[in-house]
Amino acid sequence: MISPKPGEVYWVDLGMAAKHRPLMVVSREDTQAERALAVCVPLTTGIRGGNYEVPVPRVRWMPGADEGVANVQGITFVEHHRLERRAGRFEPAVIERVRKAISWMLELECSTGEGSA
């Protein structure tokens, strides 16, 4: 069974016009989870600007030459078995920026400490 790690990017069929989309895992790694779900945000090169888009570095394992963003407004839950093909993994600093944007979007205090709810 797949155990996705924070920052990993997977290609997932979201059922929209039969297209596969790259999704970045933003949830914690949890081998004891009762349900096999990962919290993810979509990556896109369709940059519109704004606070809900977090720039991500250009990486060799993603197609195209354009810069991209993580769209935190598109946050979604994906069952592990739907994570079809791993593309690569972003560095922890990228994951932290995305998580801070999610925290801002939801008006939560950003806390990455253990035991936080």
C-alpha atoms as a PDB file:
ATOM      1  CA  MET A   1       0.000   0.000   0.000  1.00  0.00           C
ATOM      2  CA  ILE A   2       1.212   3.488  -0.832  1.00  0.00           C
ATOM      3  CA  SER A   3       2.282   5.610   2.137  1.00  0.00           C
ATOM      4  CA  PRO A   4       2.573   9.130   0.700  1.00  0.00           C
ATOM      5  CA  LYS A   5       4.975  11.562   2.316  1.00  0.00           C
ATOM      6  CA  PRO A   6       4.621  15.348   2.631  1.00  0.00           C
ATOM      7  CA  GLY A   7       5.857  17.124  -0.476  1.00  0.00           C
ATOM      8  CA  GLU A   8       5.500  14.141  -2.782  1.00  0.00           C
ATOM      9  CA  VAL A   9       3.752  14.819  -6.067  1.00  0.00           C
ATOM     10  CA  TYR A  10       1.534  12.208  -7.683  1.00  0.00           C
ATOM     11  CA  TRP A  11      -0.407  12.140 -10.922  1.00  0.00           C
ATOM     12  CA  VAL A  12      -4.079  11.575 -10.128  1.00  0.00           C
ATOM     13  CA  ASP A  13      -7.141  11.110 -12.344  1.00  0.00           C
ATOM     14  CA  LEU A  14      -9.556  13.659 -10.910  1.00  0.00           C
ATOM     15  CA  GLY A  15     -12.289  12.680 -13.346  1.00  0.00           C
ATOM     16  CA  MET A  16     -12.322  16.092 -15.034  1.00  0.00           C
ATOM     17  CA  ALA A  17     -12.285  15.732 -18.806  1.00  0.00           C
ATOM     18  CA  ALA A  18     -10.293  12.513 -18.378  1.00  0.00           C
ATOM     19  CA  LYS A  19      -7.166  14.425 -17.386  1.00  0.00           C
ATOM     20  CA  HIS A  20      -4.520  13.443 -14.905  1.00  0.00           C
ATOM     21  CA  ARG A  21      -3.336  16.266 -12.656  1.00  0.00           C
ATOM     22  CA  PRO A  22      -0.273  16.610 -10.442  1.00  0.00           C
ATOM     23  CA  LEU A  23      -1.168  16.819  -6.749  1.00  0.00           C
ATOM     24  CA  MET A  24       1.232  17.634  -3.911  1.00  0.00           C
ATOM     25  CA  VAL A  25       0.727  15.786  -0.624  1.00  0.00           C
ATOM     26  CA  VAL A  26       0.510  18.277   2.265  1.00  0.00           C
ATOM     27  CA  SER A  27      -0.762  15.976   5.027  1.00  0.00           C
ATOM     28  CA  ARG A  28       1.537  14.437   7.573  1.00  0.00           C
ATOM     29  CA  GLU A  29       2.950  10.981   7.051  1.00  0.00           C
ATOM     30  CA  ASP A  30       0.729   8.731   9.150  1.00  0.00           C
ATOM     31  CA  THR A  31       1.228   4.984   9.045  1.00  0.00           C
ATOM     32  CA  GLN A  32      -1.401   4.514  11.773  1.00  0.00           C
ATOM     33  CA  ALA A  33      -4.224   6.292   9.934  1.00  0.00           C
ATOM     34  CA  GLU A  34      -7.621   4.620  10.183  1.00  0.00           C
ATOM     35  CA  ARG A  35      -8.446   5.653   6.619  1.00  0.00           C
ATOM     36  CA  ALA A  36      -5.985   5.761   3.771  1.00  0.00           C
ATOM     37  CA  LEU A  37      -6.489   9.406   2.766  1.00  0.00           C
ATOM     38  CA  ALA A  38      -3.942  12.036   1.772  1.00  0.00           C
ATOM     39  CA  VAL A  39      -4.584  15.780   1.858  1.00  0.00           C
ATOM     40  CA  CYS A  40      -3.337  17.288  -1.404  1.00  0.00           C
ATOM     41  CA  VAL A  41      -3.238  20.513  -3.379  1.00  0.00           C
ATOM     42  CA  PRO A  42      -3.151  20.721  -7.171  1.00  0.00           C
ATOM     43  CA  LEU A  43      -0.181  22.098  -9.059  1.00  0.00           C
ATOM     44  CA  THR A  44      -0.722  24.245 -12.124  1.00  0.00           C
ATOM     45  CA  THR A  45       1.093  26.464 -14.596  1.00  0.00           C
ATOM     46  CA  GLY A  46      -2.102  28.490 -15.066  1.00  0.00           C
ATOM     47  CA  ILE A  47      -0.970  31.284 -12.778  1.00  0.00           C
ATOM     48  CA  ARG A  48      -3.617  33.902 -11.975  1.00  0.00           C
ATOM     49  CA  GLY A  49      -1.860  35.611  -9.084  1.00  0.00           C
ATOM     50  CA  GLY A  50      -3.143  36.061  -5.583  1.00  0.00           C
ATOM     51  CA  ASN A  51      -2.753  34.806  -2.065  1.00  0.00           C
ATOM     52  CA  TYR A  52      -4.089  31.312  -2.786  1.00  0.00           C
ATOM     53  CA  GLU A  53      -1.225  30.445  -5.117  1.00  0.00           C
ATOM     54  CA  VAL A  54       2.159  29.435  -3.765  1.00  0.00           C
ATOM     55  CA  PRO A  55       5.054  29.518  -6.248  1.00  0.00           C
ATOM     56  CA  VAL A  56       6.856  26.213  -6.584  1.00  0.00           C
ATOM     57  CA  PRO A  57      10.314  25.827  -8.105  1.00  0.00           C
ATOM     58  CA  ARG A  58      10.772  24.480 -11.585  1.00  0.00           C
ATOM     59  CA  VAL A  59      11.817  20.824 -11.248  1.00  0.00           C
ATOM     60  CA  ARG A  60      13.079  18.359 -13.833  1.00  0.00           C
ATOM     61  CA  TRP A  61      10.447  15.738 -12.971  1.00  0.00           C
ATOM     62  CA  MET A  62       7.471  17.934 -13.944  1.00  0.00           C
ATOM     63  CA  PRO A  63       6.640  18.428 -17.624  1.00  0.00           C
ATOM     64  CA  GLY A  64       6.835  21.780 -19.377  1.00  0.00           C
ATOM     65  CA  ALA A  65       9.133  24.734 -19.033  1.00  0.00           C
ATOM     66  CA  ASP A  66       6.714  27.105 -17.322  1.00  0.00           C
ATOM     67  CA  GLU A  67       6.809  28.147 -13.689  1.00  0.00           C
ATOM     68  CA  GLY A  68       4.072  26.732 -11.518  1.00  0.00           C
ATOM     69  CA  VAL A  69       2.085  27.216  -8.352  1.00  0.00           C
ATOM     70  CA  ALA A  70       0.338  25.135  -5.731  1.00  0.00           C
ATOM     71  CA  ASN A  71      -3.319  26.209  -5.640  1.00  0.00           C
ATOM     72  CA  VAL A  72      -4.367  25.935  -1.984  1.00  0.00           C
ATOM     73  CA  GLN A  73      -8.003  26.725  -2.823  1.00  0.00           C
ATOM     74  CA  GLY A  74      -8.087  23.380  -4.606  1.00  0.00           C
ATOM     75  CA  ILE A  75      -7.267  21.432  -1.429  1.00  0.00           C
ATOM     76  CA  THR A  76      -8.673  17.921  -1.647  1.00  0.00           C
ATOM     77  CA  PHE A  77      -8.576  14.496  -0.013  1.00  0.00           C
ATOM     78  CA  VAL A  78      -7.406  11.574  -2.123  1.00  0.00           C
ATOM     79  CA  GLU A  79      -7.514   7.893  -1.281  1.00  0.00           C
ATOM     80  CA  HIS A  80      -4.038   6.416  -1.334  1.00  0.00           C
ATOM     81  CA  HIS A  81      -4.901   3.863  -4.017  1.00  0.00           C
ATOM     82  CA  ARG A  82      -5.735   6.748  -6.429  1.00  0.00           C
ATOM     83  CA  LEU A  83      -2.180   8.101  -6.208  1.00  0.00           C
ATOM     84  CA  GLU A  84      -1.220   6.473  -9.482  1.00  0.00           C
ATOM     85  CA  ARG A  85       2.274   7.584 -10.359  1.00  0.00           C
ATOM     86  CA  ARG A  86       4.805   9.404  -8.207  1.00  0.00           C
ATOM     87  CA  ALA A  87       6.462  12.277 -10.059  1.00  0.00           C
ATOM     88  CA  GLY A  88       8.902  13.467  -7.404  1.00  0.00           C
ATOM     89  CA  ARG A  89       9.147  15.319  -4.116  1.00  0.00           C
ATOM     90  CA  PHE A  90       9.566  18.975  -3.171  1.00  0.00           C
ATOM     91  CA  GLU A  91      11.965  20.172  -0.483  1.00  0.00           C
ATOM     92  CA  PRO A  92      10.622  20.827   3.057  1.00  0.00           C
ATOM     93  CA  ALA A  93      10.780  24.634   2.567  1.00  0.00           C
ATOM     94  CA  VAL A  94       8.254  24.371  -0.292  1.00  0.00           C
ATOM     95  CA  ILE A  95       5.911  22.214   1.789  1.00  0.00           C
ATOM     96  CA  GLU A  96       6.138  24.695   4.671  1.00  0.00           C
ATOM     97  CA  ARG A  97       5.165  27.627   2.389  1.00  0.00           C
ATOM     98  CA  VAL A  98       2.154  25.691   1.093  1.00  0.00           C
ATOM     99  CA  ARG A  99       1.065  24.690   4.601  1.00  0.00           C
ATOM    100  CA  LYS A 100       1.355  28.329   5.766  1.00  0.00           C
ATOM    101  CA  ALA A 101      -0.869  29.425   2.869  1.00  0.00           C
ATOM    102  CA  ILE A 102      -3.444  26.780   3.846  1.00  0.00           C
ATOM    103  CA  SER A 103      -3.285  27.965   7.452  1.00  0.00           C
ATOM    104  CA  TRP A 104      -3.795  31.565   6.302  1.00  0.00           C
ATOM    105  CA  MET A 105      -6.695  30.540   4.054  1.00  0.00           C
ATOM    106  CA  LEU A 106      -8.459  28.743   6.919  1.00  0.00           C
ATOM    107  CA  GLU A 107      -7.551  31.426   9.495  1.00  0.00           C
ATOM    108  CA  LEU A 108      -5.696  28.916  11.644  1.00  0.00           C
ATOM    109  CA  GLU A 109      -2.665  29.512  13.784  1.00  0.00           C
ATOM    110  CA  CYS A 110       0.237  27.846  12.033  1.00  0.00           C
ATOM    111  CA  SER A 111       1.684  25.213  14.332  1.00  0.00           C
ATOM    112  CA  THR A 112       3.846  22.357  13.131  1.00  0.00           C
ATOM    113  CA  GLY A 113       4.636  20.946  16.571  1.00  0.00           C
ATOM    114  CA  GLU A 114       3.806  17.380  17.536  1.00  0.00           C
ATOM    115  CA  GLY A 115       0.478  16.867  19.233  1.00  0.00           C
ATOM    116  CA  SER A 116      -1.102  19.935  17.653  1.00  0.00           C
ATOM    117  CA  ALA A 117      -4.695  19.573  16.602  1.00  0.00           C
END
